[in-house]
């Protein structure tokens, strides 16, 4: 048993598949975008992220790097932590 597996079992951490988290994070981004009533183009311009790349994050076809997450969160007027909490809660509830 590896140390990481021991830590996961010992401390009761739940291991999730990364694709589930990416999908949940994309859902949290889309929900925040809808609440902010911003189009993809407006969000791309405000965050400084190319619209094609932003759409990949929003669809969950590309993992959102932390640096991009902070830019998007700032553009939406929310905290990156709140977006991650939303995504994490969604994965835990599934």
PDB file of N, CA and C in Angstrom:
ATOM      1  N   UNK A   1       0.850  -1.172   0.000  1.00  0.00           N
ATOM      2  CA  UNK A   1       0.000   0.000   0.000  1.00  0.00           C
ATOM      3  C   UNK A   1       0.898   1.239   0.000  1.00  0.00           C
ATOM      4  N   UNK A   2       0.623   2.154  -0.896  1.00  0.00           N
ATOM      5  CA  UNK A   2       1.421   3.380  -0.951  1.00  0.00           C
ATOM      6  C   UNK A   2       1.021   4.311   0.176  1.00  0.00           C
ATOM      7  N   UNK A   3       1.884   5.257   0.453  1.00  0.00           N
ATOM      8  CA  UNK A   3       1.611   6.239   1.498  1.00  0.00           C
ATOM      9  C   UNK A   3       0.350   7.027   1.168  1.00  0.00           C
ATOM     10  N   UNK A   4       0.186   7.424  -0.099  1.00  0.00           N
ATOM     11  CA  UNK A   4      -0.992   8.206  -0.489  1.00  0.00           C
ATOM     12  C   UNK A   4      -2.272   7.406  -0.269  1.00  0.00           C
ATOM     13  N   UNK A   5      -2.269   6.149  -0.660  1.00  0.00           N
ATOM     14  CA  UNK A   5      -3.455   5.311  -0.455  1.00  0.00           C
ATOM     15  C   UNK A   5      -3.726   5.174   1.038  1.00  0.00           C
ATOM     16  N   UNK A   6      -2.679   4.996   1.821  1.00  0.00           N
ATOM     17  CA  UNK A   6      -2.836   4.912   3.276  1.00  0.00           C
ATOM     18  C   UNK A   6      -3.479   6.189   3.810  1.00  0.00           C
ATOM     19  N   UNK A   7      -2.977   7.337   3.362  1.00  0.00           N
ATOM     20  CA  UNK A   7      -3.515   8.614   3.827  1.00  0.00           C
ATOM     21  C   UNK A   7      -4.980   8.756   3.430  1.00  0.00           C
ATOM     22  N   UNK A   8      -5.307   8.336   2.226  1.00  0.00           N
ATOM     23  CA  UNK A   8      -6.689   8.443   1.759  1.00  0.00           C
ATOM     24  C   UNK A   8      -7.599   7.575   2.628  1.00  0.00           C
ATOM     25  N   UNK A   9      -7.178   6.358   2.893  1.00  0.00           N
ATOM     26  CA  UNK A   9      -7.986   5.459   3.712  1.00  0.00           C
ATOM     27  C   UNK A   9      -8.000   5.922   5.164  1.00  0.00           C
ATOM     28  N   UNK A  10      -6.839   6.264   5.683  1.00  0.00           N
ATOM     29  CA  UNK A  10      -6.725   6.640   7.088  1.00  0.00           C
ATOM     30  C   UNK A  10      -7.522   7.888   7.422  1.00  0.00           C
ATOM     31  N   UNK A  11      -7.471   8.884   6.587  1.00  0.00           N
ATOM     32  CA  UNK A  11      -8.157  10.139   6.870  1.00  0.00           C
ATOM     33  C   UNK A  11      -9.547  10.219   6.241  1.00  0.00           C
ATOM     34  N   UNK A  12      -9.961   9.185   5.544  1.00  0.00           N
ATOM     35  CA  UNK A  12     -11.307   9.141   4.998  1.00  0.00           C
ATOM     36  C   UNK A  12     -11.538  10.052   3.812  1.00  0.00           C
ATOM     37  N   UNK A  13     -10.489  10.414   3.108  1.00  0.00           N
ATOM     38  CA  UNK A  13     -10.661  11.260   1.935  1.00  0.00           C
ATOM     39  C   UNK A  13     -11.400  10.495   0.845  1.00  0.00           C
ATOM     40  N   UNK A  14     -12.228  11.189   0.130  1.00  0.00           N
ATOM     41  CA  UNK A  14     -12.938  10.586  -0.986  1.00  0.00           C
ATOM     42  C   UNK A  14     -12.193  10.940  -2.262  1.00  0.00           C
ATOM     43  N   UNK A  15     -11.828   9.930  -3.006  1.00  0.00           N
ATOM     44  CA  UNK A  15     -11.145  10.153  -4.270  1.00  0.00           C
ATOM     45  C   UNK A  15     -12.193  10.167  -5.366  1.00  0.00           C
ATOM     46  N   UNK A  16     -12.172  11.202  -6.159  1.00  0.00           N
ATOM     47  CA  UNK A  16     -13.126  11.308  -7.251  1.00  0.00           C
ATOM     48  C   UNK A  16     -12.382  11.269  -8.566  1.00  0.00           C
ATOM     49  N   UNK A  17     -13.078  10.891  -9.582  1.00  0.00           N
ATOM     50  CA  UNK A  17     -12.458  10.914 -10.902  1.00  0.00           C
ATOM     51  C   UNK A  17     -12.353  12.358 -11.347  1.00  0.00           C
ATOM     52  N   UNK A  18     -11.226  12.686 -11.952  1.00  0.00           N
ATOM     53  CA  UNK A  18     -10.966  14.063 -12.345  1.00  0.00           C
ATOM     54  C   UNK A  18     -11.997  14.575 -13.336  1.00  0.00           C
ATOM     55  N   UNK A  19     -12.465  13.722 -14.246  1.00  0.00           N
ATOM     56  CA  UNK A  19     -13.434  14.195 -15.237  1.00  0.00           C
ATOM     57  C   UNK A  19     -14.740  14.615 -14.575  1.00  0.00           C
ATOM     58  N   UNK A  20     -15.122  13.985 -13.479  1.00  0.00           N
ATOM     59  CA  UNK A  20     -16.322  14.400 -12.759  1.00  0.00           C
ATOM     60  C   UNK A  20     -16.137  15.789 -12.166  1.00  0.00           C
ATOM     61  N   UNK A  21     -14.956  16.050 -11.637  1.00  0.00           N
ATOM     62  CA  UNK A  21     -14.693  17.359 -11.045  1.00  0.00           C
ATOM     63  C   UNK A  21     -14.628  18.439 -12.122  1.00  0.00           C
ATOM     64  N   UNK A  22     -14.009  18.125 -13.253  1.00  0.00           N
ATOM     65  CA  UNK A  22     -13.938  19.091 -14.358  1.00  0.00           C
ATOM     66  C   UNK A  22     -15.348  19.441 -14.825  1.00  0.00           C
ATOM     67  N   UNK A  23     -16.192  18.436 -14.937  1.00  0.00           N
ATOM     68  CA  UNK A  23     -17.580  18.669 -15.349  1.00  0.00           C
ATOM     69  C   UNK A  23     -18.330  19.512 -14.307  1.00  0.00           C
ATOM     70  N   UNK A  24     -18.124  19.216 -13.041  1.00  0.00           N
ATOM     71  CA  UNK A  24     -18.769  19.979 -11.974  1.00  0.00           C
ATOM     72  C   UNK A  24     -18.265  21.417 -11.942  1.00  0.00           C
ATOM     73  N   UNK A  25     -16.960  21.594 -12.157  1.00  0.00           N
ATOM     74  CA  UNK A  25     -16.392  22.942 -12.182  1.00  0.00           C
ATOM     75  C   UNK A  25     -16.957  23.736 -13.356  1.00  0.00           C
ATOM     76  N   UNK A  26     -17.105  23.088 -14.497  1.00  0.00           N
ATOM     77  CA  UNK A  26     -17.689  23.750 -15.663  1.00  0.00           C
ATOM     78  C   UNK A  26     -19.125  24.168 -15.364  1.00  0.00           C
ATOM     79  N   UNK A  27     -19.855  23.307 -14.682  1.00  0.00           N
ATOM     80  CA  UNK A  27     -21.231  23.645 -14.297  1.00  0.00           C
ATOM     81  C   UNK A  27     -21.279  24.836 -13.358  1.00  0.00           C
ATOM     82  N   UNK A  28     -20.340  24.891 -12.410  1.00  0.00           N
ATOM     83  CA  UNK A  28     -20.273  26.026 -11.485  1.00  0.00           C
ATOM     84  C   UNK A  28     -19.941  27.314 -12.231  1.00  0.00           C
ATOM     85  N   UNK A  29     -19.047  27.228 -13.211  1.00  0.00           N
ATOM     86  CA  UNK A  29     -18.714  28.404 -14.023  1.00  0.00           C
ATOM     87  C   UNK A  29     -19.925  28.875 -14.821  1.00  0.00           C
ATOM     88  N   UNK A  30     -20.641  27.922 -15.438  1.00  0.00           N
ATOM     89  CA  UNK A  30     -21.830  28.295 -16.227  1.00  0.00           C
ATOM     90  C   UNK A  30     -22.907  28.917 -15.350  1.00  0.00           C
ATOM     91  N   UNK A  31     -23.097  28.376 -14.156  1.00  0.00           N
ATOM     92  CA  UNK A  31     -24.108  28.926 -13.253  1.00  0.00           C
ATOM     93  C   UNK A  31     -23.744  30.349 -12.826  1.00  0.00           C
ATOM     94  N   UNK A  32     -22.481  30.561 -12.495  1.00  0.00           N
ATOM     95  CA  UNK A  32     -22.032  31.910 -12.108  1.00  0.00           C
ATOM     96  C   UNK A  32     -22.152  32.875 -13.280  1.00  0.00           C
ATOM     97  N   UNK A  33     -21.857  32.386 -14.470  1.00  0.00           N
ATOM     98  CA  UNK A  33     -21.981  33.212 -15.668  1.00  0.00           C
ATOM     99  C   UNK A  33     -23.448  33.602 -15.882  1.00  0.00           C
ATOM    100  N   UNK A  34     -24.338  32.668 -15.698  1.00  0.00           N
ATOM    101  CA  UNK A  34     -25.771  32.954 -15.867  1.00  0.00           C
ATOM    102  C   UNK A  34     -26.246  33.968 -14.828  1.00  0.00           C
ATOM    103  N   UNK A  35     -25.798  33.802 -13.579  1.00  0.00           N
ATOM    104  CA  UNK A  35     -26.183  34.763 -12.535  1.00  0.00           C
ATOM    105  C   UNK A  35     -25.666  36.163 -12.850  1.00  0.00           C
ATOM    106  N   UNK A  36     -24.478  36.225 -13.446  1.00  0.00           N
ATOM    107  CA  UNK A  36     -23.894  37.526 -13.807  1.00  0.00           C
ATOM    108  C   UNK A  36     -24.476  38.076 -15.105  1.00  0.00           C
ATOM    109  N   UNK A  37     -25.245  37.252 -15.795  1.00  0.00           N
ATOM    110  CA  UNK A  37     -25.870  37.631 -17.072  1.00  0.00           C
ATOM    111  C   UNK A  37     -24.835  38.137 -18.081  1.00  0.00           C
ATOM    112  N   UNK A  38     -23.759  37.353 -18.208  1.00  0.00           N
ATOM    113  CA  UNK A  38     -22.690  37.707 -19.142  1.00  0.00           C
ATOM    114  C   UNK A  38     -22.664  36.700 -20.282  1.00  0.00           C
ATOM    115  N   UNK A  39     -22.482  37.203 -21.470  1.00  0.00           N
ATOM    116  CA  UNK A  39     -22.303  36.321 -22.616  1.00  0.00           C
ATOM    117  C   UNK A  39     -20.889  35.750 -22.594  1.00  0.00           C
ATOM    118  N   UNK A  40     -20.675  34.729 -23.395  1.00  0.00           N
ATOM    119  CA  UNK A  40     -19.331  34.164 -23.506  1.00  0.00           C
ATOM    120  C   UNK A  40     -18.338  35.224 -23.964  1.00  0.00           C
ATOM    121  N   UNK A  41     -18.748  36.017 -24.922  1.00  0.00           N
ATOM    122  CA  UNK A  41     -17.847  37.042 -25.472  1.00  0.00           C
ATOM    123  C   UNK A  41     -17.520  38.100 -24.423  1.00  0.00           C
ATOM    124  N   UNK A  42     -18.534  38.567 -23.695  1.00  0.00           N
ATOM    125  CA  UNK A  42     -18.292  39.576 -22.660  1.00  0.00           C
ATOM    126  C   UNK A  42     -17.392  39.020 -21.559  1.00  0.00           C
ATOM    127  N   UNK A  43     -17.628  37.757 -21.166  1.00  0.00           N
ATOM    128  CA  UNK A  43     -16.803  37.145 -20.129  1.00  0.00           C
ATOM    129  C   UNK A  43     -15.370  36.951 -20.611  1.00  0.00           C
ATOM    130  N   UNK A  44     -15.213  36.569 -21.858  1.00  0.00           N
ATOM    131  CA  UNK A  44     -13.873  36.400 -22.427  1.00  0.00           C
ATOM    132  C   UNK A  44     -13.129  37.733 -22.438  1.00  0.00           C
ATOM    133  N   UNK A  45     -13.799  38.777 -22.871  1.00  0.00           N
ATOM    134  CA  UNK A  45     -13.157  40.093 -22.922  1.00  0.00           C
ATOM    135  C   UNK A  45     -12.799  40.594 -21.531  1.00  0.00           C
ATOM    136  N   UNK A  46     -13.711  40.426 -20.586  1.00  0.00           N
ATOM    137  CA  UNK A  46     -13.483  40.920 -19.228  1.00  0.00           C
ATOM    138  C   UNK A  46     -12.383  40.135 -18.514  1.00  0.00           C
ATOM    139  N   UNK A  47     -12.342  38.832 -18.762  1.00  0.00           N
ATOM    140  CA  UNK A  47     -11.350  37.988 -18.087  1.00  0.00           C
ATOM    141  C   UNK A  47     -10.003  37.956 -18.805  1.00  0.00           C
ATOM    142  N   UNK A  48      -9.996  38.352 -20.070  1.00  0.00           N
ATOM    143  CA  UNK A  48      -8.756  38.309 -20.842  1.00  0.00           C
ATOM    144  C   UNK A  48      -8.411  36.921 -21.356  1.00  0.00           C
ATOM    145  N   UNK A  49      -9.408  36.053 -21.397  1.00  0.00           N
ATOM    146  CA  UNK A  49      -9.214  34.688 -21.882  1.00  0.00           C
ATOM    147  C   UNK A  49      -9.843  34.584 -23.266  1.00  0.00           C
ATOM    148  N   UNK A  50      -9.143  34.007 -24.236  1.00  0.00           N
ATOM    149  CA  UNK A  50      -9.729  33.865 -25.571  1.00  0.00           C
ATOM    150  C   UNK A  50     -11.068  33.129 -25.500  1.00  0.00           C
ATOM    151  N   UNK A  51     -12.029  33.595 -26.274  1.00  0.00           N
ATOM    152  CA  UNK A  51     -13.382  33.045 -26.207  1.00  0.00           C
ATOM    153  C   UNK A  51     -13.420  31.545 -26.512  1.00  0.00           C
ATOM    154  N   UNK A  52     -12.598  31.081 -27.442  1.00  0.00           N
ATOM    155  CA  UNK A  52     -12.571  29.650 -27.768  1.00  0.00           C
ATOM    156  C   UNK A  52     -12.120  28.846 -26.542  1.00  0.00           C
ATOM    157  N   UNK A  53     -11.113  29.321 -25.863  1.00  0.00           N
ATOM    158  CA  UNK A  53     -10.609  28.648 -24.667  1.00  0.00           C
ATOM    159  C   UNK A  53     -11.645  28.697 -23.550  1.00  0.00           C
ATOM    160  N   UNK A  54     -12.248  29.855 -23.345  1.00  0.00           N
ATOM    161  CA  UNK A  54     -13.279  30.010 -22.323  1.00  0.00           C
ATOM    162  C   UNK A  54     -14.420  29.029 -22.554  1.00  0.00           C
ATOM    163  N   UNK A  55     -14.855  28.890 -23.792  1.00  0.00           N
ATOM    164  CA  UNK A  55     -15.946  27.969 -24.090  1.00  0.00           C
ATOM    165  C   UNK A  55     -15.569  26.527 -23.785  1.00  0.00           C
ATOM    166  N   UNK A  56     -14.320  26.176 -23.950  1.00  0.00           N
ATOM    167  CA  UNK A  56     -13.866  24.826 -23.588  1.00  0.00           C
ATOM    168  C   UNK A  56     -13.952  24.621 -22.082  1.00  0.00           C
ATOM    169  N   UNK A  57     -13.606  25.653 -21.304  1.00  0.00           N
ATOM    170  CA  UNK A  57     -13.738  25.570 -19.851  1.00  0.00           C
ATOM    171  C   UNK A  57     -15.209  25.426 -19.468  1.00  0.00           C
ATOM    172  N   UNK A  58     -16.064  26.227 -20.095  1.00  0.00           N
ATOM    173  CA  UNK A  58     -17.488  26.209 -19.772  1.00  0.00           C
ATOM    174  C   UNK A  58     -18.165  24.904 -20.158  1.00  0.00           C
ATOM    175  N   UNK A  59     -17.678  24.263 -21.196  1.00  0.00           N
ATOM    176  CA  UNK A  59     -18.238  22.973 -21.634  1.00  0.00           C
ATOM    177  C   UNK A  59     -17.650  21.803 -20.853  1.00  0.00           C
ATOM    178  N   UNK A  60     -16.535  22.029 -20.186  1.00  0.00           N
ATOM    179  CA  UNK A  60     -15.872  20.953 -19.456  1.00  0.00           C
ATOM    180  C   UNK A  60     -15.020  20.064 -20.332  1.00  0.00           C
ATOM    181  N   UNK A  61     -14.719  20.528 -21.539  1.00  0.00           N
ATOM    182  CA  UNK A  61     -13.860  19.742 -22.424  1.00  0.00           C
ATOM    183  C   UNK A  61     -12.387  20.029 -22.170  1.00  0.00           C
ATOM    184  N   UNK A  62     -12.127  21.024 -21.338  1.00  0.00           N
ATOM    185  CA  UNK A  62     -10.749  21.362 -20.959  1.00  0.00           C
ATOM    186  C   UNK A  62     -10.742  21.761 -19.496  1.00  0.00           C
ATOM    187  N   UNK A  63      -9.798  21.235 -18.761  1.00  0.00           N
ATOM    188  CA  UNK A  63      -9.651  21.579 -17.350  1.00  0.00           C
ATOM    189  C   UNK A  63      -9.278  23.053 -17.231  1.00  0.00           C
ATOM    190  N   UNK A  64      -9.852  23.746 -16.274  1.00  0.00           N
ATOM    191  CA  UNK A  64      -9.584  25.166 -16.076  1.00  0.00           C
ATOM    192  C   UNK A  64      -8.397  25.336 -15.136  1.00  0.00           C
ATOM    193  N   UNK A  65      -7.293  25.907 -15.624  1.00  0.00           N
ATOM    194  CA  UNK A  65      -6.144  26.143 -14.735  1.00  0.00           C
ATOM    195  C   UNK A  65      -6.504  27.166 -13.657  1.00  0.00           C
ATOM    196  N   UNK A  66      -5.814  27.099 -12.550  1.00  0.00           N
ATOM    197  CA  UNK A  66      -6.095  28.001 -11.433  1.00  0.00           C
ATOM    198  C   UNK A  66      -5.981  29.459 -11.865  1.00  0.00           C
ATOM    199  N   UNK A  67      -4.981  29.782 -12.666  1.00  0.00           N
ATOM    200  CA  UNK A  67      -4.814  31.174 -13.095  1.00  0.00           C
ATOM    201  C   UNK A  67      -6.027  31.656 -13.880  1.00  0.00           C
ATOM    202  N   UNK A  68      -6.570  30.805 -14.730  1.00  0.00           N
ATOM    203  CA  UNK A  68      -7.766  31.166 -15.502  1.00  0.00           C
ATOM    204  C   UNK A  68      -8.985  31.234 -14.599  1.00  0.00           C
ATOM    205  N   UNK A  69      -9.075  30.327 -13.640  1.00  0.00           N
ATOM    206  CA  UNK A  69     -10.210  30.323 -12.718  1.00  0.00           C
ATOM    207  C   UNK A  69     -10.290  31.642 -11.953  1.00  0.00           C
ATOM    208  N   UNK A  70      -9.147  32.135 -11.502  1.00  0.00           N
ATOM    209  CA  UNK A  70      -9.139  33.415 -10.787  1.00  0.00           C
ATOM    210  C   UNK A  70      -9.555  34.570 -11.699  1.00  0.00           C
ATOM    211  N   UNK A  71      -9.115  34.563 -12.939  1.00  0.00           N
ATOM    212  CA  UNK A  71      -9.505  35.611 -13.883  1.00  0.00           C
ATOM    213  C   UNK A  71     -11.006  35.573 -14.156  1.00  0.00           C
ATOM    214  N   UNK A  72     -11.536  34.381 -14.357  1.00  0.00           N
ATOM    215  CA  UNK A  72     -12.969  34.228 -14.634  1.00  0.00           C
ATOM    216  C   UNK A  72     -13.786  34.634 -13.409  1.00  0.00           C
ATOM    217  N   UNK A  73     -13.373  34.156 -12.251  1.00  0.00           N
ATOM    218  CA  UNK A  73     -14.093  34.498 -11.019  1.00  0.00           C
ATOM    219  C   UNK A  73     -14.117  36.005 -10.809  1.00  0.00           C
ATOM    220  N   UNK A  74     -12.983  36.648 -11.008  1.00  0.00           N
ATOM    221  CA  UNK A  74     -12.908  38.109 -10.859  1.00  0.00           C
ATOM    222  C   UNK A  74     -13.841  38.802 -11.840  1.00  0.00           C
ATOM    223  N   UNK A  75     -13.854  38.338 -13.081  1.00  0.00           N
ATOM    224  CA  UNK A  75     -14.722  38.933 -14.098  1.00  0.00           C
ATOM    225  C   UNK A  75     -16.200  38.749 -13.754  1.00  0.00           C
ATOM    226  N   UNK A  76     -16.515  37.653 -13.062  1.00  0.00           N
ATOM    227  CA  UNK A  76     -17.906  37.374 -12.684  1.00  0.00           C
ATOM    228  C   UNK A  76     -18.287  37.997 -11.347  1.00  0.00           C
ATOM    229  N   UNK A  77     -17.302  38.531 -10.637  1.00  0.00           N
ATOM    230  CA  UNK A  77     -17.579  39.150  -9.346  1.00  0.00           C
ATOM    231  C   UNK A  77     -17.824  38.144  -8.230  1.00  0.00           C
ATOM    232  N   UNK A  78     -17.215  36.966  -8.352  1.00  0.00           N
ATOM    233  CA  UNK A  78     -17.329  35.929  -7.319  1.00  0.00           C
ATOM    234  C   UNK A  78     -15.922  35.490  -6.938  1.00  0.00           C
ATOM    235  N   UNK A  79     -15.821  34.743  -5.871  1.00  0.00           N
ATOM    236  CA  UNK A  79     -14.501  34.238  -5.488  1.00  0.00           C
ATOM    237  C   UNK A  79     -14.256  32.893  -6.152  1.00  0.00           C
ATOM    238  N   UNK A  80     -13.003  32.635  -6.434  1.00  0.00           N
ATOM    239  CA  UNK A  80     -12.628  31.336  -7.001  1.00  0.00           C
ATOM    240  C   UNK A  80     -12.973  30.229  -6.012  1.00  0.00           C
ATOM    241  N   UNK A  81     -12.822  30.509  -4.735  1.00  0.00           N
ATOM    242  CA  UNK A  81     -13.157  29.533  -3.708  1.00  0.00           C
ATOM    243  C   UNK A  81     -14.624  29.144  -3.735  1.00  0.00           C
ATOM    244  N   UNK A  82     -15.486  30.126  -3.957  1.00  0.00           N
ATOM    245  CA  UNK A  82     -16.927  29.836  -4.031  1.00  0.00           C
ATOM    246  C   UNK A  82     -17.231  28.940  -5.226  1.00  0.00           C
ATOM    247  N   UNK A  83     -16.570  29.189  -6.353  1.00  0.00           N
ATOM    248  CA  UNK A  83     -16.765  28.336  -7.528  1.00  0.00           C
ATOM    249  C   UNK A  83     -16.298  26.914  -7.253  1.00  0.00           C
ATOM    250  N   UNK A  84     -15.152  26.777  -6.598  1.00  0.00           N
ATOM    251  CA  UNK A  84     -14.631  25.445  -6.274  1.00  0.00           C
ATOM    252  C   UNK A  84     -15.524  24.739  -5.256  1.00  0.00           C
ATOM    253  N   UNK A  85     -16.042  25.503  -4.293  1.00  0.00           N
ATOM    254  CA  UNK A  85     -16.965  24.907  -3.320  1.00  0.00           C
ATOM    255  C   UNK A  85     -18.226  24.387  -4.005  1.00  0.00           C
ATOM    256  N   UNK A  86     -18.771  25.184  -4.923  1.00  0.00           N
ATOM    257  CA  UNK A  86     -19.950  24.754  -5.676  1.00  0.00           C
ATOM    258  C   UNK A  86     -19.674  23.456  -6.433  1.00  0.00           C
ATOM    259  N   UNK A  87     -18.530  23.412  -7.089  1.00  0.00           N
ATOM    260  CA  UNK A  87     -18.173  22.215  -7.853  1.00  0.00           C
ATOM    261  C   UNK A  87     -17.979  21.016  -6.938  1.00  0.00           C
ATOM    262  N   UNK A  88     -17.290  21.227  -5.840  1.00  0.00           N
ATOM    263  CA  UNK A  88     -17.038  20.153  -4.894  1.00  0.00           C
ATOM    264  C   UNK A  88     -18.336  19.628  -4.291  1.00  0.00           C
ATOM    265  N   UNK A  89     -19.231  20.511  -3.936  1.00  0.00           N
ATOM    266  CA  UNK A  89     -20.521  20.094  -3.386  1.00  0.00           C
ATOM    267  C   UNK A  89     -21.327  19.309  -4.403  1.00  0.00           C
ATOM    268  N   UNK A  90     -21.248  19.695  -5.648  1.00  0.00           N
ATOM    269  CA  UNK A  90     -21.980  18.981  -6.704  1.00  0.00           C
ATOM    270  C   UNK A  90     -21.444  17.563  -6.852  1.00  0.00           C
ATOM    271  N   UNK A  91     -20.137  17.403  -6.818  1.00  0.00           N
ATOM    272  CA  UNK A  91     -19.536  16.074  -6.968  1.00  0.00           C
ATOM    273  C   UNK A  91     -19.887  15.210  -5.769  1.00  0.00           C
ATOM    274  N   UNK A  92     -19.858  15.765  -4.564  1.00  0.00           N
ATOM    275  CA  UNK A  92     -20.167  15.004  -3.358  1.00  0.00           C
ATOM    276  C   UNK A  92     -21.627  14.544  -3.341  1.00  0.00           C
ATOM    277  N   UNK A  93     -22.518  15.347  -3.942  1.00  0.00           N
ATOM    278  CA  UNK A  93     -23.940  15.021  -3.916  1.00  0.00           C
ATOM    279  C   UNK A  93     -24.339  14.016  -4.975  1.00  0.00           C
ATOM    280  N   UNK A  94     -23.466  13.766  -5.932  1.00  0.00           N
ATOM    281  CA  UNK A  94     -23.807  12.799  -7.000  1.00  0.00           C
ATOM    282  C   UNK A  94     -23.581  11.381  -6.560  1.00  0.00           C
TER     283      UNK A  94
END
